[in-house]
């Protein structure tokens, strides 16, 4: 433990929370960029009457993200849950774009 943390845990807490806030902001911006890309995919799928979901692609992505999670020391179950949550929203957007 550093002298600063030992001397002023409140300052350390504020510093750590500041880092968390910055990471959260970055995640929001990255998700916004991801959804801009998936909106383009949804419009293309609607235009060409392609299905809103692609189960084979989703399975490949789950496997890939699980491997990345393990490499990053993140629970792969959490990574998969996150991905499934995001994909459900993407499919909802794609279905809406197709008029369904």
N, C-alpha and C. Protein backbone atom coordinates (compact mmCIF):
# COMPACT_ATOMS: atom_id res chain seq x y z
N UNK A 1 0.85 -1.18 0.00
CA UNK A 1 0.00 0.00 0.00
C UNK A 1 0.89 1.24 0.00
N UNK A 2 0.53 2.21 -0.83
CA UNK A 2 1.34 3.42 -0.91
C UNK A 2 1.09 4.29 0.31
N UNK A 3 2.01 5.18 0.55
CA UNK A 3 1.85 6.10 1.68
C UNK A 3 0.60 6.96 1.50
N UNK A 4 0.29 7.38 0.26
CA UNK A 4 -0.88 8.20 0.01
C UNK A 4 -2.16 7.45 0.38
N UNK A 5 -2.26 6.19 -0.01
CA UNK A 5 -3.45 5.41 0.29
C UNK A 5 -3.59 5.19 1.78
N UNK A 6 -2.48 4.95 2.45
CA UNK A 6 -2.49 4.74 3.89
C UNK A 6 -2.87 6.04 4.61
N UNK A 7 -2.35 7.16 4.09
CA UNK A 7 -2.57 8.45 4.73
C UNK A 7 -3.96 9.02 4.42
N UNK A 8 -4.44 8.81 3.20
CA UNK A 8 -5.71 9.41 2.81
C UNK A 8 -6.51 8.46 1.92
N UNK A 9 -7.19 7.51 2.54
CA UNK A 9 -7.97 6.56 1.73
C UNK A 9 -9.08 7.24 0.94
N UNK A 10 -9.59 8.34 1.44
CA UNK A 10 -10.65 9.07 0.72
C UNK A 10 -10.11 9.61 -0.61
N UNK A 11 -8.89 10.12 -0.60
CA UNK A 11 -8.28 10.62 -1.84
C UNK A 11 -8.08 9.47 -2.82
N UNK A 12 -7.66 8.33 -2.32
CA UNK A 12 -7.47 7.17 -3.19
C UNK A 12 -8.80 6.72 -3.77
N UNK A 13 -9.84 6.69 -2.94
CA UNK A 13 -11.17 6.33 -3.40
C UNK A 13 -11.64 7.28 -4.50
N UNK A 14 -11.45 8.56 -4.31
CA UNK A 14 -11.85 9.55 -5.32
C UNK A 14 -11.07 9.35 -6.62
N UNK A 15 -9.78 9.05 -6.52
CA UNK A 15 -8.96 8.82 -7.70
C UNK A 15 -9.45 7.59 -8.46
N UNK A 16 -9.70 6.51 -7.72
CA UNK A 16 -10.19 5.28 -8.35
C UNK A 16 -11.56 5.48 -8.99
N UNK A 17 -12.43 6.19 -8.30
CA UNK A 17 -13.76 6.46 -8.87
C UNK A 17 -13.66 7.34 -10.11
N UNK A 18 -12.71 8.25 -10.12
CA UNK A 18 -12.49 9.06 -11.32
C UNK A 18 -12.08 8.19 -12.50
N UNK A 19 -11.21 7.22 -12.24
CA UNK A 19 -10.81 6.28 -13.29
C UNK A 19 -12.01 5.46 -13.78
N UNK A 20 -12.82 5.00 -12.85
CA UNK A 20 -14.03 4.23 -13.21
C UNK A 20 -14.96 5.09 -14.06
N UNK A 21 -15.16 6.34 -13.67
CA UNK A 21 -16.03 7.24 -14.44
C UNK A 21 -15.50 7.43 -15.86
N UNK A 22 -14.20 7.58 -16.01
CA UNK A 22 -13.60 7.73 -17.34
C UNK A 22 -13.79 6.48 -18.18
N UNK A 23 -13.61 5.33 -17.57
CA UNK A 23 -13.80 4.06 -18.28
C UNK A 23 -15.27 3.92 -18.70
N UNK A 24 -16.20 4.24 -17.79
CA UNK A 24 -17.62 4.17 -18.14
C UNK A 24 -17.95 5.08 -19.32
N UNK A 25 -17.40 6.28 -19.32
CA UNK A 25 -17.64 7.21 -20.44
C UNK A 25 -17.10 6.62 -21.74
N UNK A 26 -15.91 6.05 -21.69
CA UNK A 26 -15.33 5.44 -22.89
C UNK A 26 -16.19 4.29 -23.38
N UNK A 27 -16.70 3.47 -22.46
CA UNK A 27 -17.57 2.35 -22.84
C UNK A 27 -18.84 2.85 -23.54
N UNK A 28 -19.44 3.90 -23.03
CA UNK A 28 -20.65 4.45 -23.64
C UNK A 28 -20.36 4.92 -25.06
N UNK A 29 -19.25 5.62 -25.22
CA UNK A 29 -18.90 6.11 -26.56
C UNK A 29 -18.60 4.95 -27.51
N UNK A 30 -17.94 3.92 -27.01
CA UNK A 30 -17.65 2.75 -27.85
C UNK A 30 -18.95 2.02 -28.22
N UNK A 31 -19.87 1.89 -27.28
CA UNK A 31 -21.15 1.26 -27.59
C UNK A 31 -21.92 2.08 -28.63
N UNK A 32 -21.86 3.39 -28.52
CA UNK A 32 -22.54 4.25 -29.50
C UNK A 32 -21.95 4.00 -30.89
N UNK A 33 -20.65 3.90 -30.99
CA UNK A 33 -20.01 3.62 -32.28
C UNK A 33 -20.42 2.24 -32.80
N UNK A 34 -20.48 1.27 -31.89
CA UNK A 34 -20.87 -0.08 -32.28
C UNK A 34 -22.29 -0.07 -32.84
N UNK A 35 -23.19 0.65 -32.19
CA UNK A 35 -24.58 0.69 -32.65
C UNK A 35 -24.72 1.46 -33.95
N UNK A 36 -23.88 2.46 -34.19
CA UNK A 36 -23.90 3.14 -35.50
C UNK A 36 -23.57 2.14 -36.60
N UNK A 37 -22.58 1.29 -36.36
CA UNK A 37 -22.20 0.28 -37.35
C UNK A 37 -23.31 -0.75 -37.53
N UNK A 38 -23.89 -1.22 -36.42
CA UNK A 38 -24.93 -2.24 -36.54
C UNK A 38 -26.20 -1.66 -37.15
N UNK A 39 -26.44 -0.36 -36.99
CA UNK A 39 -27.60 0.25 -37.66
C UNK A 39 -27.42 0.20 -39.17
N UNK A 40 -26.20 0.42 -39.63
CA UNK A 40 -25.92 0.33 -41.06
C UNK A 40 -26.14 -1.11 -41.55
N UNK A 41 -25.70 -2.07 -40.75
CA UNK A 41 -25.93 -3.48 -41.09
C UNK A 41 -27.43 -3.75 -41.16
N UNK A 42 -28.18 -3.25 -40.20
CA UNK A 42 -29.62 -3.46 -40.17
C UNK A 42 -30.32 -2.89 -41.39
N UNK A 43 -29.91 -1.70 -41.80
CA UNK A 43 -30.51 -1.10 -42.99
C UNK A 43 -30.18 -1.93 -44.24
N UNK A 44 -28.95 -2.40 -44.33
CA UNK A 44 -28.56 -3.22 -45.47
C UNK A 44 -29.35 -4.54 -45.47
N UNK A 45 -29.48 -5.15 -44.30
CA UNK A 45 -30.24 -6.40 -44.22
C UNK A 45 -31.70 -6.16 -44.61
N UNK A 46 -32.27 -5.06 -44.16
CA UNK A 46 -33.66 -4.76 -44.51
C UNK A 46 -33.81 -4.54 -46.01
N UNK A 47 -32.88 -3.79 -46.58
CA UNK A 47 -32.93 -3.49 -48.02
C UNK A 47 -32.85 -4.77 -48.87
N UNK A 48 -32.05 -5.72 -48.41
CA UNK A 48 -31.85 -6.95 -49.16
C UNK A 48 -32.67 -8.13 -48.62
N UNK A 49 -33.60 -7.81 -47.73
CA UNK A 49 -34.50 -8.81 -47.14
C UNK A 49 -33.73 -9.98 -46.53
N UNK A 50 -32.69 -9.62 -45.79
CA UNK A 50 -31.89 -10.62 -45.07
C UNK A 50 -32.44 -10.76 -43.66
N UNK A 51 -32.28 -11.92 -43.02
CA UNK A 51 -32.79 -12.08 -41.65
C UNK A 51 -32.10 -11.13 -40.67
N UNK A 52 -32.84 -10.73 -39.66
CA UNK A 52 -32.31 -9.79 -38.66
C UNK A 52 -31.18 -10.41 -37.84
N UNK A 53 -31.25 -11.70 -37.61
CA UNK A 53 -30.20 -12.35 -36.81
C UNK A 53 -29.40 -13.30 -37.68
N UNK A 54 -28.20 -13.59 -37.21
CA UNK A 54 -27.30 -14.51 -37.89
C UNK A 54 -26.71 -15.43 -36.82
N UNK A 55 -27.42 -16.52 -36.49
CA UNK A 55 -26.99 -17.38 -35.39
C UNK A 55 -25.57 -17.92 -35.54
N UNK A 56 -25.13 -18.24 -36.75
CA UNK A 56 -23.76 -18.75 -36.93
C UNK A 56 -22.74 -17.67 -36.56
N UNK A 57 -22.98 -16.45 -37.02
CA UNK A 57 -22.09 -15.33 -36.68
C UNK A 57 -22.09 -15.08 -35.17
N UNK A 58 -23.26 -15.14 -34.57
CA UNK A 58 -23.34 -14.91 -33.13
C UNK A 58 -22.56 -15.95 -32.35
N UNK A 59 -22.64 -17.21 -32.77
CA UNK A 59 -21.89 -18.27 -32.09
C UNK A 59 -20.38 -18.06 -32.24
N UNK A 60 -19.95 -17.64 -33.43
CA UNK A 60 -18.53 -17.35 -33.65
C UNK A 60 -18.08 -16.20 -32.74
N UNK A 61 -18.90 -15.19 -32.65
CA UNK A 61 -18.56 -14.04 -31.81
C UNK A 61 -18.51 -14.41 -30.33
N UNK A 62 -19.44 -15.24 -29.90
CA UNK A 62 -19.44 -15.67 -28.50
C UNK A 62 -18.14 -16.42 -28.19
N UNK A 63 -17.77 -17.34 -29.05
CA UNK A 63 -16.53 -18.09 -28.84
C UNK A 63 -15.33 -17.14 -28.81
N UNK A 64 -15.29 -16.21 -29.75
CA UNK A 64 -14.19 -15.24 -29.81
C UNK A 64 -14.13 -14.37 -28.55
N UNK A 65 -15.29 -13.86 -28.13
CA UNK A 65 -15.32 -12.99 -26.95
C UNK A 65 -15.00 -13.76 -25.67
N UNK A 66 -15.40 -15.00 -25.60
CA UNK A 66 -15.05 -15.82 -24.43
C UNK A 66 -13.53 -15.99 -24.34
N UNK A 67 -12.89 -16.24 -25.50
CA UNK A 67 -11.42 -16.37 -25.51
C UNK A 67 -10.77 -15.04 -25.09
N UNK A 68 -11.27 -13.95 -25.64
CA UNK A 68 -10.73 -12.64 -25.27
C UNK A 68 -10.91 -12.38 -23.77
N UNK A 69 -12.06 -12.75 -23.25
CA UNK A 69 -12.32 -12.55 -21.82
C UNK A 69 -11.32 -13.33 -20.97
N UNK A 70 -11.08 -14.58 -21.33
CA UNK A 70 -10.12 -15.39 -20.58
C UNK A 70 -8.75 -14.73 -20.63
N UNK A 71 -8.34 -14.28 -21.83
CA UNK A 71 -7.04 -13.62 -21.97
C UNK A 71 -6.95 -12.33 -21.14
N UNK A 72 -8.09 -11.67 -20.98
CA UNK A 72 -8.13 -10.41 -20.23
C UNK A 72 -8.41 -10.60 -18.75
N UNK A 73 -8.50 -11.86 -18.31
CA UNK A 73 -8.82 -12.17 -16.92
C UNK A 73 -10.20 -11.64 -16.52
N UNK A 74 -11.16 -11.80 -17.45
CA UNK A 74 -12.55 -11.43 -17.22
C UNK A 74 -13.37 -12.70 -17.30
N UNK A 75 -14.38 -12.80 -16.50
CA UNK A 75 -15.25 -13.98 -16.50
C UNK A 75 -15.88 -14.15 -17.88
N UNK A 76 -15.60 -15.26 -18.58
CA UNK A 76 -16.18 -15.46 -19.91
C UNK A 76 -17.71 -15.56 -19.90
N UNK A 77 -18.27 -16.03 -18.79
CA UNK A 77 -19.74 -16.06 -18.67
C UNK A 77 -20.30 -14.64 -18.71
N UNK A 78 -19.64 -13.72 -18.02
CA UNK A 78 -20.07 -12.32 -18.04
C UNK A 78 -19.95 -11.76 -19.45
N UNK A 79 -18.84 -12.05 -20.14
CA UNK A 79 -18.65 -11.56 -21.50
C UNK A 79 -19.76 -12.06 -22.41
N UNK A 80 -20.13 -13.32 -22.26
CA UNK A 80 -21.20 -13.88 -23.08
C UNK A 80 -22.54 -13.23 -22.76
N UNK A 81 -22.82 -13.02 -21.49
CA UNK A 81 -24.08 -12.36 -21.10
C UNK A 81 -24.14 -10.95 -21.67
N UNK A 82 -23.03 -10.24 -21.60
CA UNK A 82 -22.97 -8.88 -22.15
C UNK A 82 -23.26 -8.92 -23.65
N UNK A 83 -22.59 -9.83 -24.35
CA UNK A 83 -22.77 -9.93 -25.79
C UNK A 83 -24.23 -10.26 -26.13
N UNK A 84 -24.81 -11.22 -25.43
CA UNK A 84 -26.21 -11.59 -25.69
C UNK A 84 -27.15 -10.41 -25.46
N UNK A 85 -26.87 -9.62 -24.44
CA UNK A 85 -27.69 -8.42 -24.17
C UNK A 85 -27.59 -7.43 -25.32
N UNK A 86 -26.37 -7.19 -25.78
CA UNK A 86 -26.16 -6.24 -26.88
C UNK A 86 -26.79 -6.77 -28.16
N UNK A 87 -26.60 -8.04 -28.46
CA UNK A 87 -27.14 -8.62 -29.69
C UNK A 87 -28.67 -8.57 -29.68
N UNK A 88 -29.28 -8.80 -28.55
CA UNK A 88 -30.75 -8.71 -28.47
C UNK A 88 -31.22 -7.32 -28.87
N UNK A 89 -30.52 -6.30 -28.44
CA UNK A 89 -30.88 -4.93 -28.81
C UNK A 89 -30.62 -4.69 -30.29
N UNK A 90 -29.53 -5.20 -30.81
CA UNK A 90 -29.22 -5.05 -32.24
C UNK A 90 -30.31 -5.72 -33.08
N UNK A 91 -30.70 -6.93 -32.70
CA UNK A 91 -31.74 -7.63 -33.45
C UNK A 91 -33.06 -6.86 -33.39
N UNK A 92 -33.34 -6.28 -32.26
CA UNK A 92 -34.55 -5.45 -32.14
C UNK A 92 -34.49 -4.30 -33.13
N UNK A 93 -33.34 -3.66 -33.24
CA UNK A 93 -33.17 -2.55 -34.20
C UNK A 93 -33.30 -3.06 -35.63
N UNK A 94 -32.69 -4.21 -35.92
CA UNK A 94 -32.76 -4.76 -37.28
C UNK A 94 -34.19 -5.12 -37.65
N UNK A 95 -34.91 -5.68 -36.72
CA UNK A 95 -36.31 -6.04 -36.97
C UNK A 95 -37.14 -4.79 -37.23
N UNK A 96 -36.88 -3.75 -36.45
CA UNK A 96 -37.60 -2.48 -36.67
C UNK A 96 -37.25 -1.89 -38.02
N UNK A 97 -35.99 -1.95 -38.41
CA UNK A 97 -35.56 -1.42 -39.71
C UNK A 97 -36.24 -2.15 -40.86
N UNK A 98 -36.52 -3.43 -40.64
CA UNK A 98 -37.16 -4.24 -41.68
C UNK A 98 -38.68 -4.04 -41.69
N UNK A 99 -39.16 -3.22 -40.77
CA UNK A 99 -40.60 -2.95 -40.72
C UNK A 99 -41.38 -3.97 -39.93
N UNK A 100 -40.65 -4.77 -39.13
CA UNK A 100 -41.31 -5.82 -38.36
C UNK A 100 -41.33 -5.47 -36.94
